[in-house]
Amino acid sequence: MPEARSSRQDLLRQKKKQSARRTVSQICPPPRRPLTVADIRPGMENERLGVVRDSMFQNPLIVKAELGKPRERSYSLPGIDFNYGLYIRGLDGGVPEALGHWNVLKQQPTCPHELTRDYVAMNRGAVKAGLVTTRENLLYRQLNDIRISDQDDRRVKKEPPRVPPDMTFGIRSRPSTPFFDLLQNRYQQLWVQEQKATQKAIKLEKQHKVTLGKLYETRSTQLRKHKPPVQLDALWHLPHFQKVGGHLDTFPTEADRQRAFQAHRQECAVRQGTLRMGNYTHP
């Protein structure tokens, strides 16, 4: 039984702790104010040696961020009684005045509209009176100042064009990018199809070309194609080096000469040297 009572008391304590309401300072902590000399503790990042002033902690370029805390912005905030936002003062009297009185805006007096001058009528009258020079026209306009009436002025001014009721103003929005076509290489497939179609059209055009009759070659066309043979002359030699026989013959007979050359050709594969007349490659 005492164990059950102790467990119930623990549950009640936990419920009381959970149901405890937080204070306003916990929900909405006070605004962060710039650091001062009194807030600096030993071991902090902004600890300094020598002369320390409060203005040093109001410069965001000098203030360092503390470990595990946001950076101080060094802005001084107004007091607790300050209300943020725009305060609108009620000058209309509220609902009672709106129900009991008609608060109507007074119409402001309109300034008289100055009518435009009728230069066509004044020029016509000046020509009829025989006035041609610029000075005479200027004096005539000062004496006879003709103005266009309101009705005529309305006719002169162009009326705005009639716009259909379902017209939408502004710039048309750009169509959305076809991502599916891009992912599926649709544009590549279309390009390949276009290339195949053009090649097919070129082949059909070549097939439908009219083949002309047989072309007969004339003497002039044959002469154009004919290439005359070029006779190669023998190289020029000095006359005293021509038809000179050998002065030394080491072979007694022609048969011995042929046998020596045949033996050389047989041993050519196993001898060294450029002319294959050196030592044997294998001892």
Protein backbone atom coordinates (compact mmCIF):
# COMPACT_ATOMS: atom_id res chain seq x y z
CA MET A 1 0.00 0.00 0.00
CA PRO A 2 2.69 2.57 0.77
CA GLU A 3 4.26 1.81 -2.62
CA ALA A 4 0.94 2.53 -4.40
CA ARG A 5 0.55 5.80 -2.51
CA SER A 6 4.07 6.90 -3.43
CA SER A 7 3.42 6.11 -7.12
CA ARG A 8 0.17 8.13 -7.04
CA GLN A 9 1.94 11.07 -5.46
CA ASP A 10 4.62 10.95 -8.17
CA LEU A 11 1.95 10.99 -10.89
CA LEU A 12 0.22 13.96 -9.25
CA ARG A 13 3.50 15.83 -9.05
CA GLN A 14 4.21 15.17 -12.74
CA LYS A 15 0.72 16.41 -13.69
CA LYS A 16 1.22 19.58 -11.65
CA LYS A 17 4.53 20.20 -13.33
CA GLN A 18 3.02 19.67 -16.79
CA SER A 19 -0.03 21.87 -16.07
CA ALA A 20 2.09 24.74 -14.74
CA ARG A 21 1.64 27.66 -17.07
CA ARG A 22 4.62 29.51 -18.42
CA THR A 23 4.97 33.19 -17.72
CA VAL A 24 4.92 35.93 -20.35
CA SER A 25 8.66 36.43 -19.97
CA GLN A 26 9.16 32.76 -20.81
CA ILE A 27 6.87 32.81 -23.86
CA CYS A 28 7.99 36.23 -25.11
CA PRO A 29 11.47 36.93 -23.71
CA PRO A 30 12.53 40.55 -23.49
CA PRO A 31 14.17 42.02 -26.58
CA ARG A 32 17.91 41.65 -26.91
CA ARG A 33 19.72 44.86 -26.09
CA PRO A 34 23.31 45.72 -27.02
CA LEU A 35 26.07 44.48 -24.77
CA THR A 36 27.51 46.68 -22.07
CA VAL A 37 30.63 46.52 -19.95
CA ALA A 38 28.58 45.09 -17.06
CA ASP A 39 27.45 42.12 -19.21
CA ILE A 40 30.98 40.98 -20.01
CA ARG A 41 32.18 38.03 -17.95
CA PRO A 42 35.67 36.53 -17.90
CA GLY A 43 36.13 33.93 -20.61
CA MET A 44 33.67 35.52 -23.07
CA GLU A 45 34.59 36.19 -26.68
CA ASN A 46 34.18 39.96 -26.30
CA GLU A 47 36.43 40.25 -23.26
CA ARG A 48 39.00 43.00 -23.79
CA LEU A 49 42.07 44.32 -22.05
CA GLY A 50 42.75 47.94 -21.28
CA VAL A 51 40.19 50.72 -21.50
CA VAL A 52 36.75 49.33 -22.38
CA ARG A 53 33.77 51.50 -23.33
CA ASP A 54 30.15 50.68 -24.05
CA SER A 55 30.54 52.14 -27.54
CA MET A 56 32.93 49.29 -28.38
CA PHE A 57 30.07 46.80 -28.05
CA GLN A 58 27.77 48.84 -30.31
CA ASN A 59 29.89 48.39 -33.44
CA PRO A 60 28.82 45.24 -35.37
CA LEU A 61 32.26 45.08 -37.02
CA ILE A 62 34.00 44.67 -33.67
CA VAL A 63 31.53 42.57 -31.67
CA LYS A 64 32.20 38.83 -31.88
CA ALA A 65 29.60 36.10 -31.76
CA GLU A 66 29.45 34.19 -28.51
CA LEU A 67 29.65 30.42 -28.59
CA GLY A 68 26.14 28.94 -28.92
CA LYS A 69 24.44 32.37 -29.14
CA PRO A 70 23.32 34.50 -32.07
CA ARG A 71 25.41 37.48 -33.09
CA GLU A 72 24.59 40.75 -31.39
CA ARG A 73 23.38 43.46 -33.75
CA SER A 74 24.25 46.30 -31.34
CA TYR A 75 20.98 48.18 -31.91
CA SER A 76 19.46 50.00 -28.97
CA LEU A 77 15.73 49.39 -28.66
CA PRO A 78 13.13 51.74 -27.14
CA GLY A 79 11.73 51.23 -23.67
CA ILE A 80 9.04 48.85 -22.45
CA ASP A 81 6.23 51.41 -22.87
CA PHE A 82 6.94 51.83 -26.58
CA ASN A 83 4.24 50.53 -28.94
CA TYR A 84 5.39 49.27 -32.31
CA GLY A 85 3.32 49.89 -35.43
CA LEU A 86 1.20 52.75 -36.80
CA TYR A 87 -1.28 54.38 -34.45
CA ILE A 88 -4.41 55.67 -36.18
CA ARG A 89 -6.33 58.29 -34.26
CA GLY A 90 -10.11 58.18 -34.60
CA LEU A 91 -11.25 61.58 -35.87
CA ASP A 92 -14.58 60.55 -37.42
CA GLY A 93 -16.48 60.08 -34.17
CA GLY A 94 -16.97 56.35 -34.57
CA VAL A 95 -20.27 54.55 -35.18
CA PRO A 96 -22.58 57.10 -33.41
CA GLU A 97 -21.49 59.96 -35.59
CA ALA A 98 -21.70 57.81 -38.72
CA LEU A 99 -25.33 56.89 -37.86
CA GLY A 100 -26.44 60.35 -36.80
CA HIS A 101 -24.84 62.60 -39.43
CA TRP A 102 -24.22 62.59 -43.13
CA ASN A 103 -20.52 63.34 -43.47
CA VAL A 104 -20.36 64.30 -47.14
CA LEU A 105 -17.33 65.75 -48.86
CA LYS A 106 -17.86 69.27 -50.16
CA GLN A 107 -17.40 69.77 -53.83
CA GLN A 108 -14.36 71.87 -54.56
CA PRO A 109 -14.82 74.83 -56.89
CA THR A 110 -13.64 74.01 -60.37
CA CYS A 111 -11.31 76.43 -62.09
CA PRO A 112 -12.61 77.83 -65.37
CA HIS A 113 -11.45 75.84 -68.35
CA GLU A 114 -9.52 77.89 -70.87
CA LEU A 115 -10.82 77.29 -74.37
CA THR A 116 -8.35 76.59 -77.13
CA ARG A 117 -7.77 79.21 -79.81
CA ASP A 118 -9.20 78.67 -83.30
CA TYR A 119 -6.17 79.44 -85.44
CA VAL A 120 -7.90 78.29 -88.63
CA ALA A 121 -10.67 80.90 -88.29
CA MET A 122 -8.20 83.65 -87.29
CA ASN A 123 -5.91 82.90 -90.25
CA ARG A 124 -8.88 82.86 -92.62
CA GLY A 125 -10.11 86.22 -91.30
CA ALA A 126 -6.60 87.72 -91.60
CA VAL A 127 -6.31 86.63 -95.24
CA LYS A 128 -9.73 88.12 -96.04
CA ALA A 129 -8.64 91.41 -94.41
CA GLY A 130 -5.48 91.48 -96.57
CA LEU A 131 -3.00 90.83 -93.74
CA VAL A 132 -0.04 88.72 -94.83
CA THR A 133 3.02 89.48 -92.70
CA THR A 134 3.76 87.95 -89.30
CA ARG A 135 3.40 91.29 -87.49
CA GLU A 136 -0.02 91.92 -89.03
CA ASN A 137 -1.20 88.40 -88.14
CA LEU A 138 -0.06 88.86 -84.53
CA LEU A 139 -1.96 92.15 -84.18
CA TYR A 140 -5.05 90.63 -85.81
CA ARG A 141 -5.01 87.73 -83.32
CA GLN A 142 -4.73 90.15 -80.40
CA LEU A 143 -7.77 92.11 -81.64
CA ASN A 144 -9.85 89.13 -82.80
CA ASP A 145 -9.25 86.35 -80.28
CA ILE A 146 -11.49 83.54 -81.56
CA ARG A 147 -11.93 80.52 -79.28
CA ILE A 148 -13.38 77.08 -79.92
CA SER A 149 -16.56 76.36 -77.98
CA ASP A 150 -16.93 73.36 -75.70
CA GLN A 151 -19.03 71.46 -78.23
CA ASP A 152 -16.58 72.08 -81.05
CA ASP A 153 -13.69 71.23 -78.75
CA ARG A 154 -15.27 67.87 -78.02
CA ARG A 155 -15.52 67.15 -81.71
CA VAL A 156 -11.88 68.04 -82.30
CA LYS A 157 -10.61 65.79 -79.51
CA LYS A 158 -10.48 62.16 -80.45
CA GLU A 159 -12.59 59.82 -78.42
CA PRO A 160 -10.83 56.83 -76.92
CA PRO A 161 -11.24 53.67 -78.95
CA ARG A 162 -13.98 51.33 -77.92
CA VAL A 163 -12.60 48.30 -76.19
CA PRO A 164 -14.52 45.02 -76.16
CA PRO A 165 -15.75 44.03 -72.68
CA ASP A 166 -13.90 40.70 -72.70
CA MET A 167 -10.52 42.21 -73.57
CA THR A 168 -7.58 41.37 -71.29
CA PHE A 169 -4.94 44.03 -70.81
CA GLY A 170 -1.24 43.42 -70.28
CA ILE A 171 1.38 41.14 -71.78
CA ARG A 172 0.61 37.52 -72.49
CA SER A 173 2.38 35.11 -70.22
CA ARG A 174 5.05 32.91 -71.74
CA PRO A 175 3.95 29.30 -72.27
CA SER A 176 5.31 26.87 -69.74
CA THR A 177 8.44 24.90 -70.58
CA PRO A 178 7.61 21.37 -71.84
CA PHE A 179 9.72 19.40 -69.38
CA PHE A 180 8.31 16.06 -70.50
CA ASP A 181 9.44 16.71 -74.09
CA LEU A 182 12.89 17.67 -72.86
CA LEU A 183 13.24 14.57 -70.68
CA GLN A 184 12.01 12.27 -73.46
CA ASN A 185 14.32 13.83 -76.11
CA ARG A 186 11.26 14.74 -78.14
CA TYR A 187 13.04 17.54 -80.00
CA GLN A 188 15.81 15.16 -81.08
CA GLN A 189 13.25 12.72 -82.44
CA LEU A 190 11.50 15.46 -84.38
CA TRP A 191 14.81 16.63 -85.85
CA VAL A 192 15.67 13.08 -86.95
CA GLN A 193 12.25 12.72 -88.57
CA GLU A 194 12.70 16.01 -90.43
CA GLN A 195 16.12 14.93 -91.69
CA LYS A 196 14.72 11.61 -92.91
CA ALA A 197 11.87 13.39 -94.66
CA THR A 198 14.24 15.79 -96.43
CA GLN A 199 16.51 12.94 -97.56
CA LYS A 200 13.51 11.03 -98.87
CA ALA A 201 12.32 14.08 -100.79
CA ILE A 202 15.78 14.55 -102.32
CA LYS A 203 15.84 10.91 -103.45
CA LEU A 204 12.39 11.22 -105.04
CA GLU A 205 13.46 14.40 -106.80
CA LYS A 206 16.51 12.65 -108.20
CA GLN A 207 14.38 9.76 -109.44
CA HIS A 208 11.89 12.04 -111.17
CA LYS A 209 14.59 14.00 -112.97
CA VAL A 210 14.30 13.79 -116.74
CA THR A 211 17.19 11.80 -118.18
CA LEU A 212 18.38 13.35 -121.40
CA GLY A 213 19.25 11.33 -124.47
CA LYS A 214 22.66 9.92 -125.28
CA LEU A 215 25.29 12.57 -125.72
CA TYR A 216 27.55 12.12 -128.71
CA GLU A 217 31.13 13.15 -128.40
CA THR A 218 32.59 15.42 -131.00
CA ARG A 219 36.19 15.90 -132.01
CA SER A 220 36.53 18.92 -129.73
CA THR A 221 35.32 16.97 -126.66
CA GLN A 222 37.68 14.12 -127.49
CA LEU A 223 40.58 16.54 -127.82
CA ARG A 224 39.72 18.02 -124.43
CA LYS A 225 39.87 14.59 -122.81
CA HIS A 226 42.97 13.40 -124.72
CA LYS A 227 46.28 13.70 -122.95
CA PRO A 228 49.25 13.51 -125.32
CA PRO A 229 51.99 11.08 -124.16
CA VAL A 230 55.08 12.71 -122.76
CA GLN A 231 58.35 11.38 -124.15
CA LEU A 232 60.93 11.12 -121.43
CA ASP A 233 64.44 11.94 -122.67
CA ALA A 234 67.43 10.09 -121.34
CA LEU A 235 69.56 11.74 -118.73
CA TRP A 236 72.51 13.66 -120.00
CA HIS A 237 76.01 12.25 -119.29
CA LEU A 238 79.45 13.48 -120.08
CA PRO A 239 80.76 11.94 -123.27
CA HIS A 240 84.06 10.63 -121.81
CA PHE A 241 82.14 8.58 -119.19
CA GLN A 242 80.11 6.67 -121.77
CA LYS A 243 80.92 3.18 -123.17
CA VAL A 244 83.87 2.63 -120.84
CA GLY A 245 84.70 -0.96 -120.01
CA GLY A 246 86.04 -2.37 -116.72
CA HIS A 247 89.82 -2.20 -116.17
CA LEU A 248 89.92 -4.99 -113.53
CA ASP A 249 88.45 -8.48 -113.73
CA THR A 250 89.29 -10.81 -110.78
CA PHE A 251 87.43 -13.84 -112.09
CA PRO A 252 89.28 -16.01 -114.57
CA THR A 253 86.13 -16.99 -116.42
CA GLU A 254 82.51 -15.97 -116.57
CA ALA A 255 81.43 -19.29 -115.03
CA ASP A 256 83.55 -18.60 -111.93
CA ARG A 257 81.92 -15.18 -111.67
CA GLN A 258 78.40 -16.64 -111.75
CA ARG A 259 79.32 -19.30 -109.15
CA ALA A 260 80.68 -16.61 -106.77
CA PHE A 261 77.51 -14.51 -107.10
CA GLN A 262 75.33 -17.59 -106.54
CA ALA A 263 77.25 -18.47 -103.32
CA HIS A 264 76.86 -14.86 -102.15
CA ARG A 265 73.11 -14.96 -102.70
CA GLN A 266 72.86 -18.22 -100.73
CA GLU A 267 74.81 -16.86 -97.73
CA CYS A 268 73.15 -13.43 -97.80
CA ALA A 269 70.61 -14.40 -95.13
CA VAL A 270 73.24 -15.38 -92.50
CA ARG A 271 75.84 -12.63 -93.02
CA GLN A 272 75.98 -9.15 -91.45
CA GLY A 273 76.44 -5.75 -93.03
CA THR A 274 74.61 -3.58 -95.50
CA LEU A 275 75.79 -5.58 -98.53
CA ARG A 276 75.63 -8.88 -96.60
CA MET A 277 79.36 -9.46 -97.01
CA GLY A 278 80.47 -9.33 -93.32
CA ASN A 279 80.72 -11.91 -90.57
CA TYR A 280 78.23 -14.68 -90.02
CA THR A 281 75.35 -13.94 -87.62
CA HIS A 282 75.79 -17.34 -85.87
CA PRO A 283 79.25 -18.75 -85.07
